[in-house]
Amino acid sequence: MSNIRELKTRKQEHNEQTVAMLTEWLEMAKTGELQTVAAAGILAGGESITGATASDAFQPLLGAVTILQFRMLHGHCEGSN
């Protein structure tokens, strides 16, 4: 028997964390500290948007995406047994 868990969701609303993170990352990119980005988002209508910049660091970036996936799943499933 599988252990199925319900994912927690948020109401659709303006997310200040999105603006704060993107602003911080933009400043890091402008100074050259942030070298490459892979991003995914959900638009107001529910559609997904994805993108990645060209990079010589493909393997580390792919690893970072995998770490992000784990962190997101862990954060949303944590505490729901």
N, C-alpha and C. Protein backbone atom coordinates (compact mmCIF):
# COMPACT_ATOMS: atom_id res chain seq x y z
N MET A 1 0.84 -1.17 0.00
CA MET A 1 0.00 0.00 0.00
C MET A 1 0.89 1.24 0.00
N SER A 2 0.58 2.18 -0.85
CA SER A 2 1.41 3.39 -0.94
C SER A 2 0.99 4.42 0.11
N ASN A 3 1.93 5.26 0.44
CA ASN A 3 1.70 6.32 1.41
C ASN A 3 1.46 7.62 0.64
N ILE A 4 0.21 7.96 0.37
CA ILE A 4 -0.13 9.13 -0.42
C ILE A 4 -0.31 10.33 0.51
N ARG A 5 0.33 11.44 0.14
CA ARG A 5 0.23 12.66 0.94
C ARG A 5 -0.36 13.78 0.10
N GLU A 6 -1.18 14.57 0.70
CA GLU A 6 -1.77 15.71 0.02
C GLU A 6 -0.80 16.88 0.07
N LEU A 7 -0.59 17.54 -1.07
CA LEU A 7 0.27 18.70 -1.11
C LEU A 7 -0.49 19.93 -0.62
N LYS A 8 0.16 20.71 0.25
CA LYS A 8 -0.46 21.95 0.72
C LYS A 8 -0.39 22.98 -0.40
N THR A 9 -1.42 23.79 -0.55
CA THR A 9 -1.43 24.82 -1.58
C THR A 9 -1.75 26.17 -0.95
N ARG A 10 -1.41 27.24 -1.63
CA ARG A 10 -1.72 28.59 -1.19
C ARG A 10 -2.84 29.14 -2.05
N LYS A 11 -3.55 30.10 -1.51
CA LYS A 11 -4.54 30.81 -2.31
C LYS A 11 -3.80 31.65 -3.35
N GLN A 12 -4.44 31.87 -4.50
CA GLN A 12 -3.82 32.72 -5.50
C GLN A 12 -3.85 34.15 -5.01
N GLU A 13 -2.69 34.72 -4.80
CA GLU A 13 -2.58 36.09 -4.34
C GLU A 13 -1.21 36.62 -4.72
N HIS A 14 -1.09 37.92 -4.70
CA HIS A 14 0.20 38.55 -4.97
C HIS A 14 1.20 38.07 -3.93
N ASN A 15 2.30 37.56 -4.36
CA ASN A 15 3.27 36.99 -3.46
C ASN A 15 4.48 37.92 -3.33
N GLU A 16 4.57 38.62 -2.21
CA GLU A 16 5.68 39.55 -1.98
C GLU A 16 7.02 38.84 -1.98
N GLN A 17 7.03 37.56 -1.61
CA GLN A 17 8.28 36.81 -1.63
C GLN A 17 8.83 36.68 -3.05
N THR A 18 7.95 36.58 -4.03
CA THR A 18 8.37 36.48 -5.42
C THR A 18 9.10 37.75 -5.83
N VAL A 19 8.51 38.90 -5.52
CA VAL A 19 9.12 40.18 -5.87
C VAL A 19 10.45 40.35 -5.14
N ALA A 20 10.49 40.02 -3.86
CA ALA A 20 11.72 40.17 -3.08
C ALA A 20 12.85 39.29 -3.62
N MET A 21 12.53 38.02 -3.92
CA MET A 21 13.56 37.11 -4.42
C MET A 21 14.08 37.57 -5.78
N LEU A 22 13.17 37.92 -6.68
CA LEU A 22 13.61 38.34 -8.01
C LEU A 22 14.41 39.63 -7.97
N THR A 23 14.04 40.55 -7.09
CA THR A 23 14.78 41.80 -6.94
C THR A 23 16.19 41.52 -6.43
N GLU A 24 16.30 40.66 -5.42
CA GLU A 24 17.61 40.30 -4.87
C GLU A 24 18.47 39.61 -5.94
N TRP A 25 17.90 38.69 -6.67
CA TRP A 25 18.65 37.97 -7.69
C TRP A 25 19.06 38.89 -8.83
N LEU A 26 18.19 39.85 -9.19
CA LEU A 26 18.53 40.80 -10.25
C LEU A 26 19.74 41.64 -9.85
N GLU A 27 19.78 42.09 -8.60
CA GLU A 27 20.93 42.86 -8.12
C GLU A 27 22.20 42.01 -8.14
N MET A 28 22.09 40.74 -7.77
CA MET A 28 23.24 39.84 -7.80
C MET A 28 23.72 39.63 -9.24
N ALA A 29 22.80 39.55 -10.19
CA ALA A 29 23.16 39.38 -11.60
C ALA A 29 23.84 40.64 -12.14
N LYS A 30 23.35 41.80 -11.73
CA LYS A 30 23.93 43.07 -12.19
C LYS A 30 25.37 43.24 -11.73
N THR A 31 25.71 42.72 -10.55
CA THR A 31 27.09 42.81 -10.04
C THR A 31 27.98 41.70 -10.54
N GLY A 32 27.38 40.70 -11.22
CA GLY A 32 28.15 39.59 -11.74
C GLY A 32 28.26 38.42 -10.78
N GLU A 33 27.68 38.57 -9.59
CA GLU A 33 27.74 37.46 -8.62
C GLU A 33 26.91 36.27 -9.10
N LEU A 34 25.71 36.53 -9.59
CA LEU A 34 24.84 35.48 -10.11
C LEU A 34 25.17 35.30 -11.59
N GLN A 35 25.63 34.12 -11.95
CA GLN A 35 26.15 33.87 -13.30
C GLN A 35 25.14 33.22 -14.24
N THR A 36 24.27 32.38 -13.74
CA THR A 36 23.31 31.68 -14.59
C THR A 36 22.07 31.34 -13.77
N VAL A 37 20.94 31.22 -14.44
CA VAL A 37 19.66 31.00 -13.76
C VAL A 37 18.81 30.02 -14.55
N ALA A 38 18.13 29.15 -13.81
CA ALA A 38 17.05 28.34 -14.35
C ALA A 38 15.86 28.65 -13.46
N ALA A 39 14.74 29.00 -14.05
CA ALA A 39 13.60 29.44 -13.25
C ALA A 39 12.30 28.84 -13.76
N ALA A 40 11.37 28.69 -12.83
CA ALA A 40 10.03 28.23 -13.17
C ALA A 40 9.06 29.05 -12.34
N GLY A 41 7.93 29.38 -12.91
CA GLY A 41 6.93 30.14 -12.19
C GLY A 41 5.54 29.78 -12.67
N ILE A 42 4.56 30.25 -11.92
CA ILE A 42 3.16 30.06 -12.29
C ILE A 42 2.54 31.43 -12.46
N LEU A 43 1.92 31.65 -13.61
CA LEU A 43 1.28 32.92 -13.91
C LEU A 43 -0.08 33.00 -13.22
N ALA A 44 -0.66 34.21 -13.19
CA ALA A 44 -1.93 34.44 -12.51
C ALA A 44 -3.04 33.52 -13.03
N GLY A 45 -3.00 33.17 -14.31
CA GLY A 45 -4.02 32.30 -14.89
C GLY A 45 -3.77 30.82 -14.69
N GLY A 46 -2.66 30.48 -14.00
CA GLY A 46 -2.35 29.08 -13.73
C GLY A 46 -1.36 28.45 -14.70
N GLU A 47 -1.01 29.17 -15.76
CA GLU A 47 -0.05 28.62 -16.71
C GLU A 47 1.35 28.66 -16.12
N SER A 48 2.18 27.70 -16.55
CA SER A 48 3.56 27.70 -16.08
C SER A 48 4.44 28.46 -17.07
N ILE A 49 5.53 28.99 -16.54
CA ILE A 49 6.52 29.68 -17.35
C ILE A 49 7.89 29.19 -16.89
N THR A 50 8.75 28.87 -17.83
CA THR A 50 10.08 28.37 -17.49
C THR A 50 11.13 29.03 -18.37
N GLY A 51 12.34 29.04 -17.89
CA GLY A 51 13.42 29.58 -18.69
C GLY A 51 14.76 29.30 -18.04
N ALA A 52 15.80 29.36 -18.85
CA ALA A 52 17.16 29.19 -18.35
C ALA A 52 18.10 30.01 -19.22
N THR A 53 19.13 30.54 -18.59
CA THR A 53 20.12 31.29 -19.34
C THR A 53 21.21 30.34 -19.82
N ALA A 54 21.92 30.76 -20.87
CA ALA A 54 23.02 29.96 -21.39
C ALA A 54 24.10 29.88 -20.32
N SER A 55 24.78 28.75 -20.27
CA SER A 55 25.75 28.57 -19.20
C SER A 55 26.80 27.55 -19.57
N ASP A 56 28.02 27.77 -19.07
CA ASP A 56 29.07 26.76 -19.16
C ASP A 56 29.00 25.83 -17.96
N ALA A 57 28.09 26.13 -17.03
CA ALA A 57 27.96 25.36 -15.79
C ALA A 57 26.67 24.55 -15.80
N PHE A 58 26.46 23.79 -16.89
CA PHE A 58 25.22 23.04 -17.03
C PHE A 58 25.02 22.04 -15.91
N GLN A 59 26.04 21.26 -15.58
CA GLN A 59 25.89 20.22 -14.56
C GLN A 59 25.60 20.79 -13.17
N PRO A 60 26.33 21.83 -12.71
CA PRO A 60 25.99 22.41 -11.41
C PRO A 60 24.59 23.01 -11.39
N LEU A 61 24.17 23.62 -12.50
CA LEU A 61 22.83 24.21 -12.56
C LEU A 61 21.76 23.13 -12.51
N LEU A 62 21.97 22.04 -13.22
CA LEU A 62 21.02 20.93 -13.18
C LEU A 62 20.95 20.34 -11.77
N GLY A 63 22.08 20.24 -11.10
CA GLY A 63 22.10 19.79 -9.71
C GLY A 63 21.33 20.73 -8.80
N ALA A 64 21.47 22.04 -9.03
CA ALA A 64 20.74 23.02 -8.23
C ALA A 64 19.23 22.88 -8.43
N VAL A 65 18.80 22.59 -9.65
CA VAL A 65 17.38 22.38 -9.93
C VAL A 65 16.87 21.15 -9.17
N THR A 66 17.68 20.11 -9.12
CA THR A 66 17.30 18.90 -8.39
C THR A 66 17.18 19.18 -6.89
N ILE A 67 18.12 19.95 -6.34
CA ILE A 67 18.06 20.33 -4.93
C ILE A 67 16.81 21.15 -4.66
N LEU A 68 16.50 22.08 -5.54
CA LEU A 68 15.29 22.90 -5.39
C LEU A 68 14.04 22.03 -5.39
N GLN A 69 13.98 21.06 -6.29
CA GLN A 69 12.83 20.16 -6.35
C GLN A 69 12.67 19.42 -5.02
N PHE A 70 13.75 18.92 -4.47
CA PHE A 70 13.69 18.23 -3.18
C PHE A 70 13.20 19.17 -2.08
N ARG A 71 13.77 20.37 -2.02
CA ARG A 71 13.37 21.33 -0.98
C ARG A 71 11.90 21.70 -1.07
N MET A 72 11.40 21.87 -2.30
CA MET A 72 9.99 22.21 -2.47
C MET A 72 9.10 21.07 -2.02
N LEU A 73 9.40 19.84 -2.42
CA LEU A 73 8.59 18.69 -2.02
C LEU A 73 8.66 18.48 -0.52
N HIS A 74 9.82 18.60 0.07
CA HIS A 74 9.99 18.42 1.50
C HIS A 74 9.19 19.47 2.27
N GLY A 75 9.26 20.72 1.83
CA GLY A 75 8.55 21.81 2.49
C GLY A 75 7.05 21.68 2.41
N HIS A 76 6.53 21.18 1.29
CA HIS A 76 5.09 21.07 1.12
C HIS A 76 4.52 19.81 1.75
N CYS A 77 5.34 18.78 1.90
CA CYS A 77 4.85 17.54 2.49
C CYS A 77 5.12 17.48 3.99
N GLU A 78 6.01 18.31 4.48
CA GLU A 78 6.39 18.28 5.90
C GLU A 78 5.18 18.46 6.80
N GLY A 79 5.04 17.60 7.73
CA GLY A 79 3.97 17.74 8.72
C GLY A 79 2.64 17.15 8.31
N SER A 80 2.45 16.75 7.07
CA SER A 80 1.17 16.17 6.67
C SER A 80 1.31 14.66 6.60
N ASN A 81 0.88 13.99 7.64
CA ASN A 81 0.95 12.52 7.69
C ASN A 81 -0.43 11.93 7.55
